[in-house]
Amino acid sequence: MWGFYFWGGYMAQKTNLKKLSVTAMLCALAYICMFVFKFKAGFLTFDLKDAVLTVVAFLYGPIYGMTSAVLVALLEFVTVSDTGVYGLLMNALSSVVFTGTCGVIYKYRRTLLGAIMGGVSAVFAMTAVMLVANIFITPFYMGVGRDEVASMIPTLLLPFNLLKGIVNAAITMIIYKPITSALKRVGLSAPSAKKTDVEKFILLAIGAITLLVIAVLVILFMLNGEFQMFGSK
């Protein structure tokens, strides 16, 4: 009996260690994505870290995903951020809402359709929350009135946040299966109970890539956006 409990405790500890190891690696990858590559439109910027953090939420649930989102936002704040506490709040809030929404839906519907539903829901949830946050936080950051910020909603804030969500959701759909497959090959993730058909994944990837290209083009040409590489201003 004692041997059974000891073995069960050992396996649980080993599983938790694997989860922490994978989470740490993905957080590091999310930070690298943030540092290397960003989109900018007006005074707003976003990177691709939410896509990587959502993989954490898909793998281990919303708590792991949201905790990772806060940790990466804090790391960005103390290393490279120039937007202060207001930027930290907006950054963390956006990532937490996006990864948490994806993680909650996928937790209870661990299928390809569940992942898609999670991504779509996350886009709208994050957009809605960030519009409210912009109304209350951006005036302090920019030193302007709420009316002026509200006037930016249809021309900048709404399309920017929607496109930000679409880009990260599309990239999540593209990278999730390759990352999980690589983790399984090296023994850092258990095999899934249900396997996604290759044909379905290919169709999903094609759709996600198409959506990604359209979103990027809109950012660049309709919002007069630009790329920022390797922390460039």
C-alpha atoms as a PDB file:
ATOM      1  CA  MET A   1       0.000   0.000   0.000  1.00  0.00           C
ATOM      2  CA  TRP A   2       2.754   2.445   0.972  1.00  0.00           C
ATOM      3  CA  GLY A   3       4.602   1.529  -2.201  1.00  0.00           C
ATOM      4  CA  PHE A   4       1.504   2.384  -4.237  1.00  0.00           C
ATOM      5  CA  TYR A   5       1.220   5.832  -2.637  1.00  0.00           C
ATOM      6  CA  PHE A   6       4.939   6.438  -3.032  1.00  0.00           C
ATOM      7  CA  TRP A   7       4.814   5.499  -6.723  1.00  0.00           C
ATOM      8  CA  GLY A   8       1.719   7.644  -7.294  1.00  0.00           C
ATOM      9  CA  GLY A   9       3.390  10.620  -5.622  1.00  0.00           C
ATOM     10  CA  TYR A  10       6.561  10.105  -7.646  1.00  0.00           C
ATOM     11  CA  MET A  11       4.647   9.991 -10.947  1.00  0.00           C
ATOM     12  CA  ALA A  12       2.626  13.091 -10.023  1.00  0.00           C
ATOM     13  CA  GLN A  13       5.828  14.955  -9.153  1.00  0.00           C
ATOM     14  CA  LYS A  14       7.409  13.843 -12.428  1.00  0.00           C
ATOM     15  CA  THR A  15       4.351  15.008 -14.371  1.00  0.00           C
ATOM     16  CA  ASN A  16       4.362  18.395 -12.639  1.00  0.00           C
ATOM     17  CA  LEU A  17       8.062  18.785 -13.382  1.00  0.00           C
ATOM     18  CA  LYS A  18       7.400  18.127 -17.061  1.00  0.00           C
ATOM     19  CA  LYS A  19       4.593  20.682 -17.067  1.00  0.00           C
ATOM     20  CA  LEU A  20       6.795  23.300 -15.441  1.00  0.00           C
ATOM     21  CA  SER A  21       9.659  22.542 -17.840  1.00  0.00           C
ATOM     22  CA  VAL A  22       7.458  22.846 -20.936  1.00  0.00           C
ATOM     23  CA  THR A  23       5.770  25.974 -19.564  1.00  0.00           C
ATOM     24  CA  ALA A  24       9.157  27.581 -18.875  1.00  0.00           C
ATOM     25  CA  MET A  25      10.352  26.788 -22.414  1.00  0.00           C
ATOM     26  CA  LEU A  26       7.206  28.209 -23.990  1.00  0.00           C
ATOM     27  CA  CYS A  27       7.387  31.324 -21.800  1.00  0.00           C
ATOM     28  CA  ALA A  28      10.960  31.830 -23.002  1.00  0.00           C
ATOM     29  CA  LEU A  29       9.790  31.407 -26.603  1.00  0.00           C
ATOM     30  CA  ALA A  30       6.955  33.903 -25.987  1.00  0.00           C
ATOM     31  CA  TYR A  31       9.463  36.426 -24.623  1.00  0.00           C
ATOM     32  CA  ILE A  32      11.712  35.943 -27.656  1.00  0.00           C
ATOM     33  CA  CYS A  33       8.704  36.500 -29.957  1.00  0.00           C
ATOM     34  CA  MET A  34       7.908  39.693 -28.076  1.00  0.00           C
ATOM     35  CA  PHE A  35      11.454  40.962 -28.316  1.00  0.00           C
ATOM     36  CA  VAL A  36      12.159  40.017 -31.930  1.00  0.00           C
ATOM     37  CA  PHE A  37       9.015  40.956 -33.810  1.00  0.00           C
ATOM     38  CA  LYS A  38       6.221  43.509 -33.289  1.00  0.00           C
ATOM     39  CA  PHE A  39       3.485  45.271 -35.213  1.00  0.00           C
ATOM     40  CA  LYS A  40       2.886  48.970 -34.645  1.00  0.00           C
ATOM     41  CA  ALA A  41      -0.066  51.176 -35.570  1.00  0.00           C
ATOM     42  CA  GLY A  42      -0.306  54.660 -34.123  1.00  0.00           C
ATOM     43  CA  PHE A  43       0.699  54.538 -30.460  1.00  0.00           C
ATOM     44  CA  LEU A  44      -0.303  50.857 -30.236  1.00  0.00           C
ATOM     45  CA  THR A  45       1.956  47.849 -30.606  1.00  0.00           C
ATOM     46  CA  PHE A  46       1.474  44.120 -30.349  1.00  0.00           C
ATOM     47  CA  ASP A  47       3.619  41.040 -30.723  1.00  0.00           C
ATOM     48  CA  LEU A  48       3.056  37.329 -31.261  1.00  0.00           C
ATOM     49  CA  LYS A  49       3.600  36.078 -27.723  1.00  0.00           C
ATOM     50  CA  ASP A  50      -0.096  35.425 -27.061  1.00  0.00           C
ATOM     51  CA  ALA A  51      -0.064  32.661 -29.684  1.00  0.00           C
ATOM     52  CA  VAL A  52       2.719  30.831 -27.821  1.00  0.00           C
ATOM     53  CA  LEU A  53       1.110  31.444 -24.418  1.00  0.00           C
ATOM     54  CA  THR A  54      -2.164  30.032 -25.739  1.00  0.00           C
ATOM     55  CA  VAL A  55      -0.344  26.782 -26.500  1.00  0.00           C
ATOM     56  CA  VAL A  56       0.414  26.606 -22.764  1.00  0.00           C
ATOM     57  CA  ALA A  57      -3.296  27.114 -22.021  1.00  0.00           C
ATOM     58  CA  PHE A  58      -4.263  24.413 -24.529  1.00  0.00           C
ATOM     59  CA  LEU A  59      -1.771  21.965 -23.062  1.00  0.00           C
ATOM     60  CA  TYR A  60      -2.289  22.461 -19.342  1.00  0.00           C
ATOM     61  CA  GLY A  61      -5.385  24.594 -18.869  1.00  0.00           C
ATOM     62  CA  PRO A  62      -6.295  28.260 -18.413  1.00  0.00           C
ATOM     63  CA  ILE A  63      -4.521  28.724 -15.052  1.00  0.00           C
ATOM     64  CA  TYR A  64      -1.149  27.777 -16.537  1.00  0.00           C
ATOM     65  CA  GLY A  65      -1.827  29.982 -19.559  1.00  0.00           C
ATOM     66  CA  MET A  66      -2.899  33.043 -17.602  1.00  0.00           C
ATOM     67  CA  THR A  67      -0.072  32.694 -15.072  1.00  0.00           C
ATOM     68  CA  SER A  68       2.423  32.455 -17.922  1.00  0.00           C
ATOM     69  CA  ALA A  69       0.877  35.555 -19.514  1.00  0.00           C
ATOM     70  CA  VAL A  70       1.402  37.585 -16.341  1.00  0.00           C
ATOM     71  CA  LEU A  71       4.972  36.336 -15.876  1.00  0.00           C
ATOM     72  CA  VAL A  72       5.987  37.172 -19.454  1.00  0.00           C
ATOM     73  CA  ALA A  73       4.363  40.623 -19.181  1.00  0.00           C
ATOM     74  CA  LEU A  74       6.312  41.265 -15.965  1.00  0.00           C
ATOM     75  CA  LEU A  75       9.536  40.099 -17.601  1.00  0.00           C
ATOM     76  CA  GLU A  76       8.918  42.443 -20.519  1.00  0.00           C
ATOM     77  CA  PHE A  77       8.179  45.277 -18.073  1.00  0.00           C
ATOM     78  CA  VAL A  78      11.481  44.938 -16.205  1.00  0.00           C
ATOM     79  CA  THR A  79      13.660  44.360 -19.276  1.00  0.00           C
ATOM     80  CA  VAL A  80      12.577  46.197 -22.430  1.00  0.00           C
ATOM     81  CA  SER A  81       9.276  48.025 -21.895  1.00  0.00           C
ATOM     82  CA  ASP A  82       9.162  51.821 -22.151  1.00  0.00           C
ATOM     83  CA  THR A  83       5.432  52.226 -21.434  1.00  0.00           C
ATOM     84  CA  GLY A  84       5.604  52.005 -17.633  1.00  0.00           C
ATOM     85  CA  VAL A  85       2.955  50.590 -15.327  1.00  0.00           C
ATOM     86  CA  TYR A  86       0.111  51.490 -17.688  1.00  0.00           C
ATOM     87  CA  GLY A  87       1.732  49.475 -20.446  1.00  0.00           C
ATOM     88  CA  LEU A  88       2.230  46.556 -18.061  1.00  0.00           C
ATOM     89  CA  LEU A  89      -1.451  46.596 -17.075  1.00  0.00           C
ATOM     90  CA  MET A  90      -2.665  46.678 -20.673  1.00  0.00           C
ATOM     91  CA  ASN A  91      -0.154  44.067 -21.799  1.00  0.00           C
ATOM     92  CA  ALA A  92      -0.956  41.620 -19.005  1.00  0.00           C
ATOM     93  CA  LEU A  93      -4.721  42.152 -19.265  1.00  0.00           C
ATOM     94  CA  SER A  94      -4.753  41.522 -23.006  1.00  0.00           C
ATOM     95  CA  SER A  95      -2.713  38.321 -22.736  1.00  0.00           C
ATOM     96  CA  VAL A  96      -4.627  36.999 -19.718  1.00  0.00           C
ATOM     97  CA  VAL A  97      -8.022  37.485 -21.378  1.00  0.00           C
ATOM     98  CA  PHE A  98      -6.885  35.943 -24.655  1.00  0.00           C
ATOM     99  CA  THR A  99      -5.119  32.893 -23.217  1.00  0.00           C
ATOM    100  CA  GLY A 100      -7.699  32.402 -20.477  1.00  0.00           C
ATOM    101  CA  THR A 101     -10.643  32.403 -22.887  1.00  0.00           C
ATOM    102  CA  CYS A 102      -8.939  29.926 -25.210  1.00  0.00           C
ATOM    103  CA  GLY A 103      -7.902  27.730 -22.306  1.00  0.00           C
ATOM    104  CA  VAL A 104     -11.320  27.605 -20.634  1.00  0.00           C
ATOM    105  CA  ILE A 105     -13.185  26.624 -23.805  1.00  0.00           C
ATOM    106  CA  TYR A 106     -10.588  24.061 -24.893  1.00  0.00           C
ATOM    107  CA  LYS A 107     -10.484  22.542 -21.398  1.00  0.00           C
ATOM    108  CA  TYR A 108     -14.092  21.415 -21.754  1.00  0.00           C
ATOM    109  CA  ARG A 109     -13.998  20.685 -25.486  1.00  0.00           C
ATOM    110  CA  ARG A 110     -10.642  19.175 -26.368  1.00  0.00           C
ATOM    111  CA  THR A 111     -11.253  18.864 -30.096  1.00  0.00           C
ATOM    112  CA  LEU A 112     -10.247  20.750 -33.208  1.00  0.00           C
ATOM    113  CA  LEU A 113     -13.619  22.494 -33.154  1.00  0.00           C
ATOM    114  CA  GLY A 114     -13.055  23.386 -29.500  1.00  0.00           C
ATOM    115  CA  ALA A 115      -9.717  24.977 -30.368  1.00  0.00           C
ATOM    116  CA  ILE A 116     -11.321  27.011 -33.146  1.00  0.00           C
ATOM    117  CA  MET A 117     -14.174  28.075 -30.874  1.00  0.00           C
ATOM    118  CA  GLY A 118     -11.644  29.069 -28.233  1.00  0.00           C
ATOM    119  CA  GLY A 119      -9.676  31.164 -30.711  1.00  0.00           C
ATOM    120  CA  VAL A 120     -12.738  32.950 -32.106  1.00  0.00           C
ATOM    121  CA  SER A 121     -14.141  33.611 -28.626  1.00  0.00           C
ATOM    122  CA  ALA A 122     -10.761  34.908 -27.449  1.00  0.00           C
ATOM    123  CA  VAL A 123     -10.613  37.431 -30.298  1.00  0.00           C
ATOM    124  CA  PHE A 124     -13.952  38.986 -29.340  1.00  0.00           C
ATOM    125  CA  ALA A 125     -13.422  38.736 -25.571  1.00  0.00           C
ATOM    126  CA  MET A 126      -9.999  40.363 -25.732  1.00  0.00           C
ATOM    127  CA  THR A 127     -11.241  43.086 -28.084  1.00  0.00           C
ATOM    128  CA  ALA A 128     -14.176  43.961 -25.816  1.00  0.00           C
ATOM    129  CA  VAL A 129     -12.076  44.013 -22.652  1.00  0.00           C
ATOM    130  CA  MET A 130      -9.305  46.080 -24.230  1.00  0.00           C
ATOM    131  CA  LEU A 131     -11.738  48.692 -25.561  1.00  0.00           C
ATOM    132  CA  VAL A 132     -13.060  49.187 -22.030  1.00  0.00           C
ATOM    133  CA  ALA A 133      -9.510  49.227 -20.661  1.00  0.00           C
ATOM    134  CA  ASN A 134      -8.475  51.808 -23.250  1.00  0.00           C
ATOM    135  CA  ILE A 135     -11.302  54.094 -22.169  1.00  0.00           C
ATOM    136  CA  PHE A 136     -10.191  54.000 -18.533  1.00  0.00           C
ATOM    137  CA  ILE A 137      -6.393  53.547 -18.729  1.00  0.00           C
ATOM    138  CA  THR A 138      -5.232  55.227 -21.953  1.00  0.00           C
ATOM    139  CA  PRO A 139      -6.232  58.776 -20.817  1.00  0.00           C
ATOM    140  CA  PHE A 140      -3.732  58.505 -17.947  1.00  0.00           C
ATOM    141  CA  TYR A 141      -1.028  57.106 -20.228  1.00  0.00           C
ATOM    142  CA  MET A 142      -1.479  59.698 -22.991  1.00  0.00           C
ATOM    143  CA  GLY A 143      -2.619  62.634 -20.850  1.00  0.00           C
ATOM    144  CA  VAL A 144      -5.799  63.168 -22.872  1.00  0.00           C
ATOM    145  CA  GLY A 145      -9.534  63.126 -22.130  1.00  0.00           C
ATOM    146  CA  ARG A 146     -11.744  60.048 -22.406  1.00  0.00           C
ATOM    147  CA  ASP A 147     -13.718  61.673 -25.207  1.00  0.00           C
ATOM    148  CA  GLU A 148     -10.581  61.844 -27.316  1.00  0.00           C
ATOM    149  CA  VAL A 149      -9.808  58.188 -26.633  1.00  0.00           C
ATOM    150  CA  ALA A 150     -13.415  57.229 -27.405  1.00  0.00           C
ATOM    151  CA  SER A 151     -13.128  58.968 -30.769  1.00  0.00           C
ATOM    152  CA  MET A 152     -10.299  56.585 -31.675  1.00  0.00           C
ATOM    153  CA  ILE A 153     -12.455  53.473 -31.203  1.00  0.00           C
ATOM    154  CA  PRO A 154     -13.880  53.123 -34.740  1.00  0.00           C
ATOM    155  CA  THR A 155     -10.743  54.207 -36.588  1.00  0.00           C
ATOM    156  CA  LEU A 156      -7.927  52.645 -34.528  1.00  0.00           C
ATOM    157  CA  LEU A 157      -8.730  50.886 -31.252  1.00  0.00           C
ATOM    158  CA  LEU A 158     -11.458  48.535 -32.499  1.00  0.00           C
ATOM    159  CA  PRO A 159      -9.778  47.410 -35.743  1.00  0.00           C
ATOM    160  CA  PHE A 160      -6.367  47.195 -34.079  1.00  0.00           C
ATOM    161  CA  ASN A 161      -7.547  44.931 -31.256  1.00  0.00           C
ATOM    162  CA  LEU A 162      -9.599  42.764 -33.606  1.00  0.00           C
ATOM    163  CA  LEU A 163      -6.631  42.320 -35.934  1.00  0.00           C
ATOM    164  CA  LYS A 164      -4.298  41.656 -33.016  1.00  0.00           C
ATOM    165  CA  GLY A 165      -6.600  38.873 -31.850  1.00  0.00           C
ATOM    166  CA  ILE A 166      -7.011  37.435 -35.338  1.00  0.00           C
ATOM    167  CA  VAL A 167      -3.249  37.330 -35.936  1.00  0.00           C
ATOM    168  CA  ASN A 168      -2.538  35.565 -32.642  1.00  0.00           C
ATOM    169  CA  ALA A 169      -5.478  33.157 -33.040  1.00  0.00           C
ATOM    170  CA  ALA A 170      -4.378  32.251 -36.568  1.00  0.00           C
ATOM    171  CA  ILE A 171      -0.786  31.649 -35.489  1.00  0.00           C
ATOM    172  CA  THR A 172      -2.007  29.524 -32.556  1.00  0.00           C
ATOM    173  CA  MET A 173      -3.905  27.277 -34.961  1.00  0.00           C
ATOM    174  CA  ILE A 174      -0.789  26.941 -37.111  1.00  0.00           C
ATOM    175  CA  ILE A 175       1.782  26.199 -34.407  1.00  0.00           C
ATOM    176  CA  TYR A 176      -0.185  24.163 -31.849  1.00  0.00           C
ATOM    177  CA  LYS A 177       0.017  20.762 -33.528  1.00  0.00           C
ATOM    178  CA  PRO A 178       3.707  21.053 -34.567  1.00  0.00           C
ATOM    179  CA  ILE A 179       4.690  22.104 -31.025  1.00  0.00           C
ATOM    180  CA  THR A 180       2.696  19.357 -29.317  1.00  0.00           C
ATOM    181  CA  SER A 181       3.983  16.765 -31.784  1.00  0.00           C
ATOM    182  CA  ALA A 182       7.571  17.828 -31.046  1.00  0.00           C
ATOM    183  CA  LEU A 183       6.930  17.633 -27.284  1.00  0.00           C
ATOM    184  CA  LYS A 184       5.503  14.124 -27.629  1.00  0.00           C
ATOM    185  CA  ARG A 185       8.523  12.956 -29.611  1.00  0.00           C
ATOM    186  CA  VAL A 186      10.896  14.012 -26.826  1.00  0.00           C
ATOM    187  CA  GLY A 187       8.658  12.647 -24.078  1.00  0.00           C
ATOM    188  CA  LEU A 188       7.550  15.970 -22.609  1.00  0.00           C
ATOM    189  CA  SER A 189       3.855  15.555 -23.399  1.00  0.00           C
ATOM    190  CA  ALA A 190       1.491  12.593 -23.159  1.00  0.00           C
ATOM    191  CA  PRO A 191      -0.182  11.376 -26.368  1.00  0.00           C
ATOM    192  CA  SER A 192      -3.626  12.853 -26.974  1.00  0.00           C
ATOM    193  CA  ALA A 193      -6.681  10.716 -26.486  1.00  0.00           C
ATOM    194  CA  LYS A 194      -7.990  11.954 -29.845  1.00  0.00           C
ATOM    195  CA  LYS A 195      -5.758  12.521 -32.828  1.00  0.00           C
ATOM    196  CA  THR A 196      -6.428  15.274 -35.307  1.00  0.00           C
ATOM    197  CA  ASP A 197      -6.708  14.079 -38.905  1.00  0.00           C
ATOM    198  CA  VAL A 198      -3.858  15.326 -41.052  1.00  0.00           C
ATOM    199  CA  GLU A 199      -6.316  16.489 -43.689  1.00  0.00           C
ATOM    200  CA  LYS A 200      -8.265  18.524 -41.155  1.00  0.00           C
ATOM    201  CA  PHE A 201      -5.105  20.123 -39.803  1.00  0.00           C
ATOM    202  CA  ILE A 202      -3.930  21.010 -43.312  1.00  0.00           C
ATOM    203  CA  LEU A 203      -7.268  22.665 -44.098  1.00  0.00           C
ATOM    204  CA  LEU A 204      -7.148  24.516 -40.776  1.00  0.00           C
ATOM    205  CA  ALA A 205      -3.576  25.650 -41.427  1.00  0.00           C
ATOM    206  CA  ILE A 206      -4.461  26.897 -44.918  1.00  0.00           C
ATOM    207  CA  GLY A 207      -7.434  28.829 -43.553  1.00  0.00           C
ATOM    208  CA  ALA A 208      -5.359  30.255 -40.692  1.00  0.00           C
ATOM    209  CA  ILE A 209      -2.534  31.319 -43.015  1.00  0.00           C
ATOM    210  CA  THR A 210      -5.021  33.007 -45.363  1.00  0.00           C
ATOM    211  CA  LEU A 211      -6.610  34.850 -42.439  1.00  0.00           C
ATOM    212  CA  LEU A 212      -3.173  35.795 -41.126  1.00  0.00           C
ATOM    213  CA  VAL A 213      -2.059  37.271 -44.445  1.00  0.00           C
ATOM    214  CA  ILE A 214      -5.264  39.295 -44.794  1.00  0.00           C
ATOM    215  CA  ALA A 215      -4.978  40.624 -41.230  1.00  0.00           C
ATOM    216  CA  VAL A 216      -1.340  41.639 -41.720  1.00  0.00           C
ATOM    217  CA  LEU A 217      -2.142  43.417 -44.979  1.00  0.00           C
ATOM    218  CA  VAL A 218      -4.961  45.345 -43.295  1.00  0.00           C
ATOM    219  CA  ILE A 219      -2.621  46.386 -40.483  1.00  0.00           C
ATOM    220  CA  LEU A 220       0.036  47.567 -42.903  1.00  0.00           C
ATOM    221  CA  PHE A 221      -2.072  49.328 -45.510  1.00  0.00           C
ATOM    222  CA  MET A 222      -5.354  50.339 -43.846  1.00  0.00           C
ATOM    223  CA  LEU A 223      -4.021  51.208 -40.385  1.00  0.00           C
ATOM    224  CA  ASN A 224      -0.703  52.502 -41.761  1.00  0.00           C
ATOM    225  CA  GLY A 225       1.071  49.992 -39.557  1.00  0.00           C
ATOM    226  CA  GLU A 226       4.661  48.817 -39.653  1.00  0.00           C
ATOM    227  CA  PHE A 227       6.949  46.030 -38.501  1.00  0.00           C
ATOM    228  CA  GLN A 228       9.414  46.437 -35.691  1.00  0.00           C
ATOM    229  CA  MET A 229      12.316  44.013 -35.570  1.00  0.00           C
ATOM    230  CA  PHE A 230      14.653  43.284 -32.640  1.00  0.00           C
ATOM    231  CA  GLY A 231      13.335  45.984 -30.344  1.00  0.00           C
ATOM    232  CA  SER A 232      13.569  48.809 -32.882  1.00  0.00           C
ATOM    233  CA  LYS A 233      11.625  51.963 -32.035  1.00  0.00           C
END
